[in-house]
């Protein structure tokens, strides 16, 4: 099993993807913490609302395309 090249390639790809995913989530947490500390309680910034709106519109379009 450890002598197969496919195994090592798959392992390397998995590790790289895990590192990038971890770094992305850490950056996202920092951004959200900065938003939360900069705003009064209960207020969401317009840029975040726009991002969420676009994401929801994409999900809706994907669901409609499946029909």
N, C-alpha and C. Protein backbone atom coordinates (compact mmCIF):
# COMPACT_ATOMS: atom_id res chain seq x y z
N UNK A 1 0.83 -1.19 0.00
CA UNK A 1 0.00 0.00 0.00
C UNK A 1 0.87 1.25 0.00
N UNK A 2 1.90 1.32 0.82
CA UNK A 2 2.73 2.52 0.91
C UNK A 2 3.70 2.65 -0.24
N UNK A 3 3.79 1.63 -1.08
CA UNK A 3 4.69 1.68 -2.21
C UNK A 3 4.01 2.22 -3.45
N UNK A 4 2.71 2.36 -3.43
CA UNK A 4 1.97 2.85 -4.60
C UNK A 4 2.05 4.37 -4.66
N UNK A 5 2.35 4.86 -5.83
CA UNK A 5 2.49 6.29 -6.04
C UNK A 5 1.15 7.01 -5.82
N UNK A 6 0.06 6.40 -6.22
CA UNK A 6 -1.26 7.02 -6.06
C UNK A 6 -1.57 7.32 -4.60
N UNK A 7 -1.16 6.43 -3.72
CA UNK A 7 -1.38 6.64 -2.29
C UNK A 7 -0.69 7.91 -1.82
N UNK A 8 0.59 8.06 -2.18
CA UNK A 8 1.36 9.21 -1.72
C UNK A 8 0.85 10.50 -2.35
N UNK A 9 0.45 10.44 -3.61
CA UNK A 9 -0.12 11.63 -4.26
C UNK A 9 -1.41 12.02 -3.56
N UNK A 10 -2.27 11.06 -3.29
CA UNK A 10 -3.53 11.32 -2.60
C UNK A 10 -3.31 11.87 -1.21
N UNK A 11 -2.33 11.33 -0.51
CA UNK A 11 -2.01 11.81 0.83
C UNK A 11 -1.52 13.25 0.77
N UNK A 12 -0.65 13.56 -0.17
CA UNK A 12 -0.12 14.92 -0.30
C UNK A 12 -1.24 15.91 -0.65
N UNK A 13 -2.11 15.53 -1.57
CA UNK A 13 -3.22 16.41 -1.96
C UNK A 13 -4.14 16.63 -0.76
N UNK A 14 -4.40 15.59 0.00
CA UNK A 14 -5.25 15.72 1.18
C UNK A 14 -4.66 16.64 2.23
N UNK A 15 -3.37 16.53 2.44
CA UNK A 15 -2.70 17.38 3.43
C UNK A 15 -2.73 18.83 2.99
N UNK A 16 -2.43 19.07 1.72
CA UNK A 16 -2.43 20.45 1.20
C UNK A 16 -3.84 21.04 1.29
N UNK A 17 -4.84 20.26 0.90
CA UNK A 17 -6.21 20.75 0.97
C UNK A 17 -6.61 21.04 2.42
N UNK A 18 -6.19 20.19 3.33
CA UNK A 18 -6.49 20.41 4.74
C UNK A 18 -5.85 21.67 5.28
N UNK A 19 -4.61 21.92 4.90
CA UNK A 19 -3.91 23.13 5.35
C UNK A 19 -4.59 24.37 4.81
N UNK A 20 -4.92 24.37 3.52
CA UNK A 20 -5.58 25.54 2.94
C UNK A 20 -6.96 25.75 3.56
N UNK A 21 -7.70 24.66 3.78
CA UNK A 21 -9.01 24.78 4.40
C UNK A 21 -8.92 25.33 5.82
N UNK A 22 -7.94 24.85 6.57
CA UNK A 22 -7.75 25.34 7.93
C UNK A 22 -7.41 26.83 7.93
N UNK A 23 -6.49 27.23 7.06
CA UNK A 23 -6.10 28.64 6.99
C UNK A 23 -7.28 29.52 6.56
N UNK A 24 -8.09 29.03 5.61
CA UNK A 24 -9.26 29.78 5.17
C UNK A 24 -10.24 29.97 6.33
N UNK A 25 -10.49 28.93 7.09
CA UNK A 25 -11.42 29.04 8.21
C UNK A 25 -10.88 29.96 9.30
N UNK A 26 -9.59 29.93 9.55
CA UNK A 26 -9.00 30.83 10.54
C UNK A 26 -9.15 32.28 10.10
N UNK A 27 -8.89 32.56 8.83
CA UNK A 27 -9.03 33.91 8.30
C UNK A 27 -10.49 34.38 8.40
N UNK A 28 -11.40 33.49 8.08
CA UNK A 28 -12.84 33.82 8.16
C UNK A 28 -13.24 34.12 9.60
N UNK A 29 -12.72 33.37 10.55
CA UNK A 29 -13.02 33.63 11.97
C UNK A 29 -12.50 35.00 12.39
N UNK A 30 -11.29 35.34 11.93
CA UNK A 30 -10.73 36.66 12.27
C UNK A 30 -11.57 37.78 11.68
N UNK A 31 -12.02 37.60 10.43
CA UNK A 31 -12.87 38.62 9.81
C UNK A 31 -14.17 38.79 10.59
N UNK A 32 -14.79 37.70 10.96
CA UNK A 32 -16.06 37.78 11.68
C UNK A 32 -15.86 38.39 13.07
N UNK A 33 -14.76 38.09 13.71
CA UNK A 33 -14.48 38.68 15.01
C UNK A 33 -14.27 40.19 14.88
N UNK A 34 -13.61 40.61 13.81
CA UNK A 34 -13.39 42.04 13.58
C UNK A 34 -14.72 42.74 13.32
N UNK A 35 -15.59 42.10 12.55
CA UNK A 35 -16.91 42.69 12.31
C UNK A 35 -17.70 42.80 13.61
N UNK A 36 -17.66 41.75 14.40
CA UNK A 36 -18.44 41.72 15.64
C UNK A 36 -17.95 42.77 16.64
N UNK A 37 -16.65 42.97 16.71
CA UNK A 37 -16.13 43.92 17.68
C UNK A 37 -16.28 45.36 17.22
N UNK A 38 -16.39 45.58 15.92
CA UNK A 38 -16.47 46.93 15.38
C UNK A 38 -17.91 47.47 15.35
N UNK A 39 -18.88 46.61 15.50
CA UNK A 39 -20.28 47.03 15.37
C UNK A 39 -21.01 46.96 16.70
N UNK A 40 -22.05 47.78 16.82
CA UNK A 40 -22.92 47.63 17.99
C UNK A 40 -23.60 46.25 17.95
N UNK A 41 -24.01 45.78 19.09
CA UNK A 41 -24.61 44.45 19.18
C UNK A 41 -25.81 44.32 18.26
N UNK A 42 -25.87 43.22 17.52
CA UNK A 42 -27.00 42.93 16.67
C UNK A 42 -26.97 43.57 15.29
N UNK A 43 -25.95 44.30 14.94
CA UNK A 43 -25.89 44.96 13.64
C UNK A 43 -24.89 44.24 12.74
N UNK A 44 -25.32 43.89 11.53
CA UNK A 44 -24.48 43.17 10.58
C UNK A 44 -24.07 44.15 9.48
N UNK A 45 -22.79 44.15 9.08
CA UNK A 45 -22.34 45.09 8.05
C UNK A 45 -22.98 44.80 6.69
N UNK A 46 -23.16 45.84 5.91
CA UNK A 46 -23.80 45.72 4.61
C UNK A 46 -23.03 44.77 3.69
N UNK A 47 -21.71 44.81 3.72
CA UNK A 47 -20.90 43.95 2.86
C UNK A 47 -21.17 42.47 3.16
N UNK A 48 -21.31 42.14 4.43
CA UNK A 48 -21.60 40.75 4.81
C UNK A 48 -22.99 40.35 4.35
N UNK A 49 -23.95 41.25 4.48
CA UNK A 49 -25.31 40.95 4.01
C UNK A 49 -25.33 40.75 2.50
N UNK A 50 -24.57 41.56 1.76
CA UNK A 50 -24.50 41.41 0.30
C UNK A 50 -23.89 40.06 -0.06
N UNK A 51 -22.84 39.66 0.65
CA UNK A 51 -22.19 38.38 0.37
C UNK A 51 -23.17 37.23 0.61
N UNK A 52 -23.91 37.31 1.71
CA UNK A 52 -24.88 36.27 2.03
C UNK A 52 -26.00 36.23 1.00
N UNK A 53 -26.43 37.40 0.55
CA UNK A 53 -27.49 37.48 -0.46
C UNK A 53 -27.03 36.82 -1.76
N UNK A 54 -25.83 37.11 -2.20
CA UNK A 54 -25.31 36.52 -3.43
C UNK A 54 -25.18 35.00 -3.30
N UNK A 55 -24.75 34.55 -2.13
CA UNK A 55 -24.62 33.12 -1.91
C UNK A 55 -25.99 32.45 -1.96
N UNK A 56 -26.99 33.06 -1.36
CA UNK A 56 -28.34 32.50 -1.39
C UNK A 56 -28.91 32.51 -2.81
N UNK A 57 -28.66 33.57 -3.56
CA UNK A 57 -29.14 33.62 -4.94
C UNK A 57 -28.49 32.53 -5.78
N UNK A 58 -27.22 32.25 -5.54
CA UNK A 58 -26.54 31.17 -6.26
C UNK A 58 -27.16 29.82 -5.91
N UNK A 59 -27.46 29.61 -4.63
CA UNK A 59 -28.08 28.36 -4.21
C UNK A 59 -29.48 28.20 -4.82
N UNK A 60 -30.24 29.29 -4.86
CA UNK A 60 -31.57 29.25 -5.46
C UNK A 60 -31.48 28.92 -6.94
N UNK A 61 -30.55 29.55 -7.66
CA UNK A 61 -30.37 29.29 -9.08
C UNK A 61 -29.98 27.83 -9.33
N UNK A 62 -29.14 27.28 -8.47
CA UNK A 62 -28.74 25.88 -8.62
C UNK A 62 -29.93 24.94 -8.40
N UNK A 63 -30.77 25.26 -7.43
CA UNK A 63 -31.96 24.43 -7.18
C UNK A 63 -32.92 24.51 -8.35
N UNK A 64 -33.11 25.70 -8.90
CA UNK A 64 -34.02 25.86 -10.04
C UNK A 64 -33.48 25.16 -11.28
N UNK A 65 -32.17 25.12 -11.43
CA UNK A 65 -31.57 24.45 -12.60
C UNK A 65 -31.77 22.95 -12.53
N UNK A 66 -31.87 22.40 -11.33
CA UNK A 66 -32.08 20.96 -11.17
C UNK A 66 -33.47 20.53 -11.60
N UNK A 67 -34.43 21.45 -11.55
CA UNK A 67 -35.83 21.11 -11.87
C UNK A 67 -36.04 20.88 -13.33
